[in-house]
């Protein structure tokens, strides 16, 4: 009988996301290498067409997959299920308007993570029924890193998820070093800060300082 490896789980601490547009002239690959050096345990590749071609994204993801695998870091691809499969990513993260989670599961199989962005209690409950492995909770605050983002959902939704959802979650959206302690105090165990990390002059030091807030 074949013994399958354990399915990965959402790690506590910082959840890294690429955002080359905000990375002070550095490439996604440079930024991810620094994230890993700083101690991030999960990295999501998030780029969109037409800013990057499929070929460019695939090439970047292949390099990032090697970096993450060598470091024992989880690698998630945003939206592009085909790129996730081609690079043997650990999973994908999708939004409410993307392919339904059950259909993605048919493509990815049982052993990869599927994360789903949620913005209200109904979506959080539906994510459980759909079979998502974890959910995104946000945007908690106003954010400029996504062009199609909804209005901030606030800390009340975060508190609702902490009380009621059986799924692991990542808090996201407009989170900065200044409000990170408040988000953690509300019960978030995994948190994503995008520009605070990718735009930092010293990414390694920033990641280490932010991770210390979880201790």
N, C-alpha and C. Protein backbone atom coordinates (compact mmCIF):
# COMPACT_ATOMS: atom_id res chain seq x y z
N UNK A 1 0.85 -1.20 0.00
CA UNK A 1 0.00 0.00 0.00
C UNK A 1 0.88 1.24 0.00
N UNK A 2 0.58 2.19 -0.90
CA UNK A 2 1.34 3.43 -0.97
C UNK A 2 0.99 4.33 0.21
N UNK A 3 2.02 4.85 0.88
CA UNK A 3 1.81 5.76 1.98
C UNK A 3 2.00 7.19 1.47
N UNK A 4 0.94 7.97 1.52
CA UNK A 4 1.00 9.33 1.01
C UNK A 4 1.59 10.25 2.07
N UNK A 5 2.33 11.28 1.67
CA UNK A 5 2.87 12.23 2.64
C UNK A 5 1.73 12.99 3.33
N UNK A 6 1.99 13.44 4.54
CA UNK A 6 0.99 14.22 5.25
C UNK A 6 0.65 15.48 4.47
N UNK A 7 -0.63 15.82 4.47
CA UNK A 7 -1.06 17.04 3.81
C UNK A 7 -0.54 18.25 4.60
N UNK A 8 -0.01 19.25 3.92
CA UNK A 8 0.49 20.42 4.65
C UNK A 8 -0.65 21.17 5.34
N UNK A 9 -0.31 21.91 6.36
CA UNK A 9 -1.28 22.74 7.06
C UNK A 9 -0.78 24.17 7.10
N UNK A 10 -1.70 25.10 7.32
CA UNK A 10 -1.35 26.51 7.36
C UNK A 10 -0.46 26.79 8.58
N UNK A 11 0.76 27.26 8.37
CA UNK A 11 1.64 27.49 9.52
C UNK A 11 1.31 28.80 10.23
N UNK A 12 1.55 28.87 11.53
CA UNK A 12 1.37 30.13 12.25
C UNK A 12 2.48 31.12 11.90
N UNK A 13 2.20 32.39 12.18
CA UNK A 13 3.18 33.43 11.90
C UNK A 13 2.83 34.21 10.65
N UNK A 14 3.84 34.67 9.96
CA UNK A 14 3.64 35.51 8.78
C UNK A 14 3.37 34.68 7.54
N UNK A 15 2.46 35.18 6.72
CA UNK A 15 2.11 34.59 5.43
C UNK A 15 2.61 35.59 4.38
N UNK A 16 3.63 35.19 3.63
CA UNK A 16 4.23 36.10 2.66
C UNK A 16 3.50 36.07 1.32
N UNK A 17 3.34 37.24 0.72
CA UNK A 17 2.74 37.36 -0.61
C UNK A 17 3.61 38.27 -1.47
N UNK A 18 3.86 37.86 -2.70
CA UNK A 18 4.63 38.69 -3.60
C UNK A 18 3.79 39.86 -4.12
N UNK A 19 4.47 40.95 -4.41
CA UNK A 19 3.81 42.14 -4.98
C UNK A 19 4.92 42.98 -5.61
N UNK A 20 5.36 42.56 -6.79
CA UNK A 20 6.53 43.18 -7.41
C UNK A 20 6.35 44.67 -7.64
N UNK A 21 5.11 45.07 -7.91
CA UNK A 21 4.80 46.48 -8.14
C UNK A 21 5.20 47.36 -6.96
N UNK A 22 5.20 46.80 -5.76
CA UNK A 22 5.48 47.55 -4.54
C UNK A 22 6.84 47.19 -3.92
N UNK A 23 7.67 46.47 -4.68
CA UNK A 23 8.89 45.89 -4.10
C UNK A 23 10.15 46.71 -4.29
N UNK A 24 9.99 48.00 -4.53
CA UNK A 24 11.14 48.93 -4.60
C UNK A 24 12.17 48.50 -5.64
N UNK A 25 11.68 48.05 -6.79
CA UNK A 25 12.56 47.69 -7.89
C UNK A 25 13.16 46.31 -7.80
N UNK A 26 12.84 45.57 -6.76
CA UNK A 26 13.38 44.21 -6.62
C UNK A 26 12.43 43.20 -7.26
N UNK A 27 12.99 42.11 -7.74
CA UNK A 27 12.17 41.07 -8.37
C UNK A 27 11.46 40.25 -7.30
N UNK A 28 10.42 39.54 -7.73
CA UNK A 28 9.73 38.63 -6.82
C UNK A 28 10.68 37.58 -6.25
N UNK A 29 11.60 37.13 -7.08
CA UNK A 29 12.54 36.10 -6.63
C UNK A 29 13.46 36.64 -5.54
N UNK A 30 13.97 37.87 -5.72
CA UNK A 30 14.80 38.49 -4.68
C UNK A 30 14.02 38.63 -3.38
N UNK A 31 12.78 39.08 -3.48
CA UNK A 31 11.97 39.32 -2.29
C UNK A 31 11.66 38.01 -1.58
N UNK A 32 11.30 36.98 -2.33
CA UNK A 32 11.00 35.70 -1.70
C UNK A 32 12.23 35.14 -0.98
N UNK A 33 13.39 35.26 -1.60
CA UNK A 33 14.62 34.78 -0.95
C UNK A 33 14.83 35.47 0.39
N UNK A 34 14.56 36.76 0.44
CA UNK A 34 14.72 37.51 1.69
C UNK A 34 13.63 37.14 2.70
N UNK A 35 12.40 36.93 2.22
CA UNK A 35 11.35 36.46 3.12
C UNK A 35 11.75 35.17 3.81
N UNK A 36 12.25 34.22 3.02
CA UNK A 36 12.65 32.93 3.56
C UNK A 36 13.80 33.10 4.55
N UNK A 37 14.76 33.92 4.20
CA UNK A 37 15.89 34.16 5.09
C UNK A 37 15.42 34.74 6.43
N UNK A 38 14.37 35.57 6.37
CA UNK A 38 13.84 36.18 7.59
C UNK A 38 13.04 35.23 8.45
N UNK A 39 12.56 34.13 7.87
CA UNK A 39 11.85 33.13 8.66
C UNK A 39 10.41 32.88 8.29
N UNK A 40 9.95 33.41 7.15
CA UNK A 40 8.58 33.13 6.70
C UNK A 40 8.48 31.66 6.28
N UNK A 41 7.34 31.02 6.66
CA UNK A 41 7.18 29.58 6.42
C UNK A 41 6.17 29.27 5.31
N UNK A 42 5.53 30.28 4.77
CA UNK A 42 4.61 30.07 3.65
C UNK A 42 4.65 31.30 2.76
N UNK A 43 4.73 31.08 1.45
CA UNK A 43 4.82 32.16 0.47
C UNK A 43 3.79 31.93 -0.62
N UNK A 44 3.03 32.97 -0.91
CA UNK A 44 2.07 32.92 -2.02
C UNK A 44 2.59 33.79 -3.16
N UNK A 45 2.61 33.22 -4.36
CA UNK A 45 2.95 33.98 -5.55
C UNK A 45 1.68 34.62 -6.09
N UNK A 46 1.64 35.96 -6.09
CA UNK A 46 0.46 36.66 -6.58
C UNK A 46 0.89 37.70 -7.62
N UNK A 47 0.61 37.40 -8.86
CA UNK A 47 0.80 38.34 -9.97
C UNK A 47 -0.40 38.20 -10.89
N UNK A 48 -0.62 39.21 -11.71
CA UNK A 48 -1.78 39.20 -12.59
C UNK A 48 -1.37 39.55 -14.02
N UNK A 49 -2.09 38.97 -14.96
CA UNK A 49 -1.99 39.45 -16.33
C UNK A 49 -2.79 40.75 -16.43
N UNK A 50 -2.40 41.71 -17.28
CA UNK A 50 -1.34 41.63 -18.28
C UNK A 50 0.03 42.09 -17.78
N UNK A 51 0.17 42.34 -16.48
CA UNK A 51 1.45 42.84 -15.97
C UNK A 51 2.56 41.82 -16.17
N UNK A 52 2.19 40.54 -16.12
CA UNK A 52 3.15 39.46 -16.39
C UNK A 52 2.49 38.50 -17.37
N UNK A 53 3.28 37.96 -18.29
CA UNK A 53 2.76 36.93 -19.18
C UNK A 53 2.73 35.60 -18.45
N UNK A 54 1.99 34.64 -19.01
CA UNK A 54 1.98 33.31 -18.43
C UNK A 54 3.39 32.72 -18.37
N UNK A 55 4.15 32.95 -19.44
CA UNK A 55 5.51 32.42 -19.47
C UNK A 55 6.38 33.02 -18.39
N UNK A 56 6.26 34.31 -18.17
CA UNK A 56 7.04 34.96 -17.11
C UNK A 56 6.66 34.42 -15.74
N UNK A 57 5.36 34.28 -15.51
CA UNK A 57 4.90 33.79 -14.21
C UNK A 57 5.35 32.36 -13.97
N UNK A 58 5.26 31.53 -15.00
CA UNK A 58 5.69 30.14 -14.86
C UNK A 58 7.18 30.06 -14.54
N UNK A 59 7.98 30.86 -15.24
CA UNK A 59 9.43 30.84 -15.00
C UNK A 59 9.76 31.30 -13.58
N UNK A 60 9.09 32.36 -13.12
CA UNK A 60 9.32 32.83 -11.75
C UNK A 60 8.90 31.78 -10.73
N UNK A 61 7.75 31.17 -10.96
CA UNK A 61 7.25 30.19 -10.00
C UNK A 61 8.15 28.96 -9.92
N UNK A 62 8.75 28.58 -11.02
CA UNK A 62 9.67 27.43 -10.99
C UNK A 62 10.88 27.73 -10.11
N UNK A 63 11.38 28.95 -10.20
CA UNK A 63 12.52 29.33 -9.36
C UNK A 63 12.10 29.42 -7.90
N UNK A 64 10.95 30.05 -7.66
CA UNK A 64 10.46 30.19 -6.29
C UNK A 64 10.13 28.84 -5.68
N UNK A 65 9.60 27.91 -6.49
CA UNK A 65 9.34 26.57 -5.99
C UNK A 65 10.62 25.91 -5.49
N UNK A 66 11.72 26.10 -6.23
CA UNK A 66 12.99 25.51 -5.79
C UNK A 66 13.46 26.16 -4.49
N UNK A 67 13.36 27.49 -4.42
CA UNK A 67 13.77 28.20 -3.20
C UNK A 67 12.97 27.71 -1.99
N UNK A 68 11.66 27.61 -2.16
CA UNK A 68 10.82 27.22 -1.04
C UNK A 68 11.03 25.76 -0.66
N UNK A 69 11.14 24.91 -1.66
CA UNK A 69 11.34 23.48 -1.37
C UNK A 69 12.65 23.25 -0.64
N UNK A 70 13.70 23.91 -1.09
CA UNK A 70 15.01 23.75 -0.44
C UNK A 70 14.98 24.21 1.01
N UNK A 71 14.10 25.18 1.31
CA UNK A 71 14.03 25.74 2.67
C UNK A 71 12.92 25.11 3.50
N UNK A 72 12.15 24.19 2.93
CA UNK A 72 11.03 23.59 3.66
C UNK A 72 9.88 24.56 3.89
N UNK A 73 9.71 25.49 2.94
CA UNK A 73 8.66 26.51 3.03
C UNK A 73 7.52 26.15 2.09
N UNK A 74 6.28 26.32 2.53
CA UNK A 74 5.13 26.05 1.67
C UNK A 74 5.03 27.08 0.55
N UNK A 75 4.62 26.62 -0.61
CA UNK A 75 4.49 27.49 -1.78
C UNK A 75 3.07 27.41 -2.33
N UNK A 76 2.40 28.56 -2.37
CA UNK A 76 1.02 28.67 -2.83
C UNK A 76 0.99 29.58 -4.05
N UNK A 77 0.20 29.23 -5.05
CA UNK A 77 0.02 30.07 -6.24
C UNK A 77 -1.37 30.68 -6.20
N UNK A 78 -1.44 31.96 -6.38
CA UNK A 78 -2.73 32.66 -6.41
C UNK A 78 -3.38 32.48 -7.78
N UNK A 79 -4.61 31.98 -7.78
CA UNK A 79 -5.48 31.92 -8.97
C UNK A 79 -5.10 30.88 -10.02
N UNK A 80 -3.83 30.81 -10.41
CA UNK A 80 -3.46 30.05 -11.60
C UNK A 80 -3.21 28.58 -11.25
N UNK A 81 -4.27 27.79 -11.36
CA UNK A 81 -4.20 26.38 -11.00
C UNK A 81 -3.23 25.63 -11.92
N UNK A 82 -3.20 26.01 -13.19
CA UNK A 82 -2.30 25.35 -14.12
C UNK A 82 -0.84 25.57 -13.74
N UNK A 83 -0.49 26.80 -13.34
CA UNK A 83 0.88 27.09 -12.92
C UNK A 83 1.21 26.34 -11.63
N UNK A 84 0.25 26.24 -10.73
CA UNK A 84 0.46 25.48 -9.50
C UNK A 84 0.79 24.03 -9.80
N UNK A 85 0.07 23.44 -10.74
CA UNK A 85 0.32 22.05 -11.11
C UNK A 85 1.65 21.89 -11.83
N UNK A 86 1.96 22.79 -12.73
CA UNK A 86 3.20 22.70 -13.49
C UNK A 86 4.44 22.87 -12.62
N UNK A 87 4.31 23.58 -11.51
CA UNK A 87 5.45 23.82 -10.64
C UNK A 87 5.43 22.97 -9.38
N UNK A 88 4.44 22.09 -9.27
CA UNK A 88 4.29 21.23 -8.09
C UNK A 88 4.19 22.07 -6.82
N UNK A 89 3.38 23.12 -6.88
CA UNK A 89 3.15 23.96 -5.70
C UNK A 89 2.40 23.16 -4.64
N UNK A 90 2.45 23.67 -3.41
CA UNK A 90 1.75 23.00 -2.30
C UNK A 90 0.26 23.31 -2.28
N UNK A 91 -0.16 24.27 -3.10
CA UNK A 91 -1.58 24.59 -3.15
C UNK A 91 -1.85 25.85 -3.92
N UNK A 92 -3.12 26.25 -3.90
CA UNK A 92 -3.55 27.47 -4.57
C UNK A 92 -4.40 28.28 -3.61
N UNK A 93 -4.50 29.56 -3.92
CA UNK A 93 -5.43 30.45 -3.20
C UNK A 93 -6.30 31.14 -4.23
N UNK A 94 -7.61 31.11 -4.01
CA UNK A 94 -8.55 31.68 -4.99
C UNK A 94 -9.53 32.61 -4.29
N UNK A 95 -10.23 33.39 -5.12
CA UNK A 95 -11.22 34.32 -4.62
C UNK A 95 -12.63 33.81 -4.85
N UNK A 96 -13.59 34.61 -4.42
CA UNK A 96 -15.00 34.23 -4.52
C UNK A 96 -15.47 34.10 -5.96
N UNK A 97 -14.85 34.79 -6.89
CA UNK A 97 -15.29 34.77 -8.28
C UNK A 97 -14.48 33.81 -9.15
N UNK A 98 -13.59 33.05 -8.53
CA UNK A 98 -12.78 32.09 -9.29
C UNK A 98 -13.50 30.74 -9.35
N UNK A 99 -12.84 29.73 -9.87
CA UNK A 99 -13.44 28.40 -9.96
C UNK A 99 -13.87 27.92 -8.58
N UNK A 100 -14.98 27.20 -8.49
CA UNK A 100 -15.44 26.69 -7.19
C UNK A 100 -14.42 25.72 -6.58
N UNK A 101 -14.35 25.73 -5.27
CA UNK A 101 -13.39 24.87 -4.58
C UNK A 101 -13.55 23.39 -4.94
N UNK A 102 -14.76 22.83 -5.01
CA UNK A 102 -14.87 21.41 -5.37
C UNK A 102 -14.28 21.08 -6.74
N UNK A 103 -14.43 22.01 -7.70
CA UNK A 103 -13.86 21.78 -9.03
C UNK A 103 -12.34 21.85 -8.98
N UNK A 104 -11.81 22.78 -8.19
CA UNK A 104 -10.35 22.88 -8.04
C UNK A 104 -9.82 21.61 -7.40
N UNK A 105 -10.57 21.08 -6.43
CA UNK A 105 -10.13 19.85 -5.76
C UNK A 105 -10.02 18.70 -6.76
N UNK A 106 -10.92 18.65 -7.72
CA UNK A 106 -10.86 17.60 -8.74
C UNK A 106 -9.55 17.68 -9.52
N UNK A 107 -9.07 18.90 -9.74
CA UNK A 107 -7.83 19.08 -10.49
C UNK A 107 -6.59 18.84 -9.63
N UNK A 108 -6.63 19.33 -8.40
CA UNK A 108 -5.44 19.29 -7.54
C UNK A 108 -5.30 17.99 -6.77
N UNK A 109 -6.42 17.29 -6.56
CA UNK A 109 -6.37 16.10 -5.73
C UNK A 109 -6.45 16.45 -4.25
N UNK A 110 -6.36 15.45 -3.39
CA UNK A 110 -6.61 15.64 -1.96
C UNK A 110 -5.44 16.18 -1.17
N UNK A 111 -4.25 16.19 -1.74
CA UNK A 111 -3.05 16.43 -0.93
C UNK A 111 -2.46 17.83 -1.07
N UNK A 112 -3.16 18.71 -1.81
CA UNK A 112 -2.70 20.09 -1.91
C UNK A 112 -3.69 21.01 -1.21
N UNK A 113 -3.18 22.12 -0.70
CA UNK A 113 -4.01 23.09 0.01
C UNK A 113 -4.82 23.93 -0.95
N UNK A 114 -6.05 24.23 -0.56
CA UNK A 114 -6.87 25.20 -1.27
C UNK A 114 -7.30 26.26 -0.27
N UNK A 115 -6.87 27.48 -0.51
CA UNK A 115 -7.28 28.62 0.31
C UNK A 115 -8.31 29.44 -0.43
N UNK A 116 -9.28 29.97 0.30
CA UNK A 116 -10.37 30.74 -0.31
C UNK A 116 -10.54 32.05 0.44
N UNK A 117 -10.51 33.16 -0.28
CA UNK A 117 -10.74 34.47 0.33
C UNK A 117 -12.21 34.60 0.73
N UNK A 118 -12.44 35.12 1.92
CA UNK A 118 -13.82 35.35 2.39
C UNK A 118 -13.93 36.75 2.98
N UNK A 119 -15.14 37.29 2.91
CA UNK A 119 -15.36 38.67 3.34
C UNK A 119 -16.54 38.84 4.29
N UNK A 120 -17.25 37.75 4.56
CA UNK A 120 -18.39 37.86 5.48
C UNK A 120 -18.70 36.48 6.06
N UNK A 121 -19.53 36.41 7.10
CA UNK A 121 -19.82 35.14 7.75
C UNK A 121 -20.41 34.08 6.83
N UNK A 122 -21.25 34.49 5.89
CA UNK A 122 -21.85 33.53 4.97
C UNK A 122 -20.78 32.86 4.10
N UNK A 123 -19.85 33.64 3.62
CA UNK A 123 -18.77 33.08 2.81
C UNK A 123 -17.87 32.16 3.63
N UNK A 124 -17.65 32.50 4.88
CA UNK A 124 -16.83 31.65 5.75
C UNK A 124 -17.49 30.30 5.95
N UNK A 125 -18.79 30.30 6.20
CA UNK A 125 -19.53 29.05 6.38
C UNK A 125 -19.54 28.23 5.10
N UNK A 126 -19.73 28.89 3.97
CA UNK A 126 -19.77 28.19 2.68
C UNK A 126 -18.41 27.57 2.36
N UNK A 127 -17.33 28.20 2.80
CA UNK A 127 -15.99 27.66 2.54
C UNK A 127 -15.80 26.31 3.21
N UNK A 128 -16.37 26.16 4.39
CA UNK A 128 -16.30 24.87 5.10
C UNK A 128 -17.02 23.80 4.28
N UNK A 129 -18.24 24.11 3.85
CA UNK A 129 -19.03 23.15 3.08
C UNK A 129 -18.37 22.81 1.75
N UNK A 130 -17.65 23.79 1.17
CA UNK A 130 -17.03 23.57 -0.14
C UNK A 130 -15.77 22.72 -0.05
N UNK A 131 -15.21 22.61 1.15
CA UNK A 131 -14.01 21.80 1.31
C UNK A 131 -12.71 22.55 1.25
N UNK A 132 -12.75 23.88 1.48
CA UNK A 132 -11.51 24.66 1.54
C UNK A 132 -10.67 24.20 2.72
N UNK A 133 -9.35 24.28 2.59
CA UNK A 133 -8.44 23.90 3.67
C UNK A 133 -8.19 25.05 4.64
N UNK A 134 -8.24 26.26 4.12
CA UNK A 134 -8.10 27.45 4.96
C UNK A 134 -8.78 28.61 4.26
N UNK A 135 -9.04 29.67 5.00
CA UNK A 135 -9.67 30.84 4.40
C UNK A 135 -8.84 32.09 4.64
N UNK A 136 -8.98 33.04 3.73
CA UNK A 136 -8.47 34.38 3.94
C UNK A 136 -9.57 35.21 4.58
N UNK A 137 -9.22 36.01 5.57
CA UNK A 137 -10.18 36.85 6.30
C UNK A 137 -9.79 38.30 6.10
N UNK A 138 -10.59 39.01 5.31
CA UNK A 138 -10.25 40.39 5.04
C UNK A 138 -10.95 40.93 3.80
N UNK A 139 -10.55 42.13 3.37
CA UNK A 139 -9.48 42.94 3.95
C UNK A 139 -9.92 43.58 5.27
N UNK A 140 -9.08 43.42 6.29
CA UNK A 140 -9.45 43.98 7.59
C UNK A 140 -9.46 45.51 7.55
N UNK A 141 -8.49 46.08 6.84
CA UNK A 141 -8.36 47.52 6.74
C UNK A 141 -8.24 47.90 5.27
N UNK A 142 -8.25 49.17 4.99
CA UNK A 142 -8.11 49.64 3.61
C UNK A 142 -6.76 49.21 3.05
N UNK A 143 -6.78 48.75 1.79
CA UNK A 143 -5.54 48.29 1.15
C UNK A 143 -5.49 48.74 -0.29
N UNK A 144 -4.26 48.98 -0.78
CA UNK A 144 -4.05 49.41 -2.16
C UNK A 144 -3.36 48.36 -3.01
N UNK A 145 -3.12 47.18 -2.44
CA UNK A 145 -2.34 46.20 -3.19
C UNK A 145 -3.17 45.39 -4.18
N UNK A 146 -4.50 45.46 -4.09
CA UNK A 146 -5.36 44.77 -5.05
C UNK A 146 -6.31 45.78 -5.67
N UNK A 147 -6.46 45.68 -7.00
CA UNK A 147 -7.28 46.65 -7.71
C UNK A 147 -8.77 46.36 -7.57
N UNK A 148 -9.13 45.09 -7.36
CA UNK A 148 -10.54 44.70 -7.34
C UNK A 148 -11.01 44.35 -5.94
N UNK A 149 -10.38 44.94 -4.93
CA UNK A 149 -10.66 44.56 -3.55
C UNK A 149 -11.98 45.16 -3.08
N UNK A 150 -12.66 44.45 -2.17
CA UNK A 150 -13.90 44.96 -1.61
C UNK A 150 -13.59 45.92 -0.46
N UNK A 151 -14.63 46.53 0.10
CA UNK A 151 -14.46 47.45 1.21
C UNK A 151 -13.93 46.69 2.43
N UNK A 152 -13.21 47.38 3.33
CA UNK A 152 -12.70 46.71 4.52
C UNK A 152 -13.83 46.06 5.33
N UNK A 153 -13.55 44.85 5.82
CA UNK A 153 -14.57 44.13 6.58
C UNK A 153 -14.47 44.40 8.08
N UNK A 154 -13.31 44.91 8.51
CA UNK A 154 -13.16 45.28 9.91
C UNK A 154 -12.84 44.11 10.83
N UNK A 155 -12.51 44.46 12.07
CA UNK A 155 -12.11 43.45 13.04
C UNK A 155 -13.27 42.59 13.54
N UNK A 156 -14.50 43.08 13.39
CA UNK A 156 -15.66 42.30 13.84
C UNK A 156 -15.75 40.98 13.08
N UNK A 157 -15.46 40.99 11.78
CA UNK A 157 -15.51 39.75 11.01
C UNK A 157 -14.39 38.81 11.45
N UNK A 158 -13.22 39.35 11.72
CA UNK A 158 -12.13 38.52 12.25
C UNK A 158 -12.56 37.83 13.55
N UNK A 159 -13.18 38.58 14.44
CA UNK A 159 -13.63 38.02 15.71
C UNK A 159 -14.68 36.93 15.49
N UNK A 160 -15.55 37.14 14.51
CA UNK A 160 -16.56 36.12 14.18
C UNK A 160 -15.89 34.82 13.73
N UNK A 161 -14.89 34.92 12.85
CA UNK A 161 -14.20 33.73 12.36
C UNK A 161 -13.49 33.01 13.50
N UNK A 162 -12.84 33.78 14.37
CA UNK A 162 -12.14 33.17 15.50
C UNK A 162 -13.12 32.36 16.36
N UNK A 163 -14.32 32.88 16.55
CA UNK A 163 -15.32 32.22 17.40
C UNK A 163 -15.97 31.01 16.74
N UNK A 164 -16.15 31.07 15.43
CA UNK A 164 -17.06 30.10 14.81
C UNK A 164 -16.45 29.19 13.75
N UNK A 165 -15.38 29.57 13.10
CA UNK A 165 -14.90 28.78 11.96
C UNK A 165 -13.99 27.65 12.41
N UNK A 166 -14.23 26.44 11.90
CA UNK A 166 -13.33 25.32 12.20
C UNK A 166 -12.07 25.32 11.35
N UNK A 167 -12.02 26.21 10.35
CA UNK A 167 -10.89 26.22 9.42
C UNK A 167 -9.77 27.13 9.91
N UNK A 168 -8.52 26.77 9.62
CA UNK A 168 -7.42 27.72 9.81
C UNK A 168 -7.66 28.94 8.91
N UNK A 169 -7.10 30.07 9.27
CA UNK A 169 -7.31 31.27 8.44
C UNK A 169 -6.09 32.17 8.49
N UNK A 170 -6.00 33.00 7.46
CA UNK A 170 -4.98 34.05 7.43
C UNK A 170 -5.69 35.39 7.40
N UNK A 171 -5.35 36.27 8.33
CA UNK A 171 -5.88 37.63 8.35
C UNK A 171 -5.08 38.46 7.36
N UNK A 172 -5.76 39.29 6.58
CA UNK A 172 -5.09 40.00 5.49
C UNK A 172 -5.79 41.32 5.21
N UNK A 173 -5.05 42.26 4.62
CA UNK A 173 -5.65 43.49 4.12
C UNK A 173 -5.35 44.70 4.97
N UNK A 174 -4.39 45.51 4.53
CA UNK A 174 -4.09 46.76 5.21
C UNK A 174 -3.42 46.59 6.55
N UNK A 175 -2.87 45.42 6.83
CA UNK A 175 -2.23 45.18 8.12
C UNK A 175 -0.80 45.71 8.07
N UNK A 176 -0.44 46.46 9.08
CA UNK A 176 0.88 47.08 9.18
C UNK A 176 1.52 46.68 10.51
N UNK A 177 2.78 47.03 10.65
CA UNK A 177 3.45 46.76 11.92
C UNK A 177 2.72 47.41 13.08
N UNK A 178 2.15 48.59 12.84
CA UNK A 178 1.48 49.34 13.91
C UNK A 178 0.20 48.68 14.40
N UNK A 179 -0.56 48.02 13.50
CA UNK A 179 -1.81 47.39 13.94
C UNK A 179 -1.73 45.87 14.05
N UNK A 180 -0.57 45.29 13.75
CA UNK A 180 -0.40 43.84 13.87
C UNK A 180 -0.71 43.34 15.28
N UNK A 181 -0.24 43.98 16.35
CA UNK A 181 -0.57 43.47 17.69
C UNK A 181 -2.08 43.40 17.95
N UNK A 182 -2.83 44.36 17.42
CA UNK A 182 -4.28 44.35 17.59
C UNK A 182 -4.91 43.16 16.89
N UNK A 183 -4.40 42.84 15.69
CA UNK A 183 -4.93 41.70 14.93
C UNK A 183 -4.61 40.39 15.65
N UNK A 184 -3.40 40.27 16.16
CA UNK A 184 -3.02 39.06 16.90
C UNK A 184 -3.84 38.94 18.18
N UNK A 185 -4.06 40.06 18.86
CA UNK A 185 -4.83 40.04 20.10
C UNK A 185 -6.26 39.57 19.87
N UNK A 186 -6.79 39.78 18.66
CA UNK A 186 -8.15 39.34 18.33
C UNK A 186 -8.21 37.85 18.01
N UNK A 187 -7.08 37.18 17.97
CA UNK A 187 -7.08 35.73 17.78
C UNK A 187 -6.44 35.22 16.50
N UNK A 188 -5.88 36.12 15.67
CA UNK A 188 -5.24 35.67 14.43
C UNK A 188 -3.91 35.00 14.73
N UNK A 189 -3.73 33.80 14.20
CA UNK A 189 -2.47 33.09 14.39
C UNK A 189 -1.56 33.17 13.16
N UNK A 190 -2.17 33.41 12.00
CA UNK A 190 -1.43 33.58 10.75
C UNK A 190 -1.89 34.90 10.13
N UNK A 191 -0.93 35.74 9.77
CA UNK A 191 -1.26 37.09 9.32
C UNK A 191 -0.41 37.44 8.11
N UNK A 192 -1.03 38.11 7.15
CA UNK A 192 -0.32 38.57 5.96
C UNK A 192 -0.17 40.08 5.96
N UNK A 193 1.05 40.54 5.83
CA UNK A 193 1.35 41.95 5.61
C UNK A 193 2.08 42.00 4.27
N UNK A 194 1.54 42.73 3.32
CA UNK A 194 2.13 42.71 1.97
C UNK A 194 3.16 43.82 1.82
N UNK A 195 2.72 45.06 1.68
CA UNK A 195 3.66 46.14 1.41
C UNK A 195 4.62 46.37 2.56
N UNK A 196 4.19 46.11 3.77
CA UNK A 196 5.06 46.31 4.92
C UNK A 196 6.32 45.45 4.80
N UNK A 197 6.17 44.30 4.13
CA UNK A 197 7.32 43.41 3.94
C UNK A 197 8.02 43.67 2.62
N UNK A 198 7.28 43.62 1.50
CA UNK A 198 7.95 43.69 0.19
C UNK A 198 8.58 45.05 -0.07
N UNK A 199 8.07 46.10 0.56
CA UNK A 199 8.62 47.44 0.34
C UNK A 199 9.67 47.83 1.38
N UNK A 200 9.90 46.96 2.35
CA UNK A 200 10.87 47.27 3.41
C UNK A 200 12.28 47.38 2.83
N UNK A 201 13.06 48.30 3.34
CA UNK A 201 14.44 48.43 2.87
C UNK A 201 15.26 47.22 3.28
N UNK A 202 14.96 46.65 4.44
CA UNK A 202 15.63 45.44 4.92
C UNK A 202 14.55 44.41 5.21
N UNK A 203 14.25 43.57 4.23
CA UNK A 203 13.15 42.61 4.36
C UNK A 203 13.43 41.60 5.46
N UNK A 204 14.65 41.12 5.54
CA UNK A 204 14.99 40.12 6.55
C UNK A 204 14.72 40.66 7.95
N UNK A 205 15.19 41.86 8.23
CA UNK A 205 14.99 42.46 9.55
C UNK A 205 13.52 42.72 9.82
N UNK A 206 12.78 43.16 8.81
CA UNK A 206 11.36 43.42 8.99
C UNK A 206 10.61 42.13 9.32
N UNK A 207 10.89 41.07 8.59
CA UNK A 207 10.22 39.79 8.84
C UNK A 207 10.53 39.30 10.25
N UNK A 208 11.77 39.40 10.66
CA UNK A 208 12.14 38.95 11.99
C UNK A 208 11.44 39.77 13.07
N UNK A 209 11.36 41.06 12.85
CA UNK A 209 10.68 41.93 13.84
C UNK A 209 9.19 41.64 13.91
N UNK A 210 8.56 41.45 12.74
CA UNK A 210 7.14 41.14 12.73
C UNK A 210 6.85 39.78 13.34
N UNK A 211 7.68 38.80 13.04
CA UNK A 211 7.46 37.47 13.61
C UNK A 211 7.58 37.48 15.13
N UNK A 212 8.38 38.39 15.66
CA UNK A 212 8.53 38.49 17.11
C UNK A 212 7.24 38.89 17.79
N UNK A 213 6.34 39.55 17.04
CA UNK A 213 5.05 39.98 17.62
C UNK A 213 4.16 38.79 17.96
N UNK A 214 4.44 37.63 17.37
CA UNK A 214 3.62 36.44 17.63
C UNK A 214 4.06 35.70 18.88
N UNK A 215 5.22 36.03 19.41
CA UNK A 215 5.78 35.30 20.55
C UNK A 215 5.13 35.73 21.86
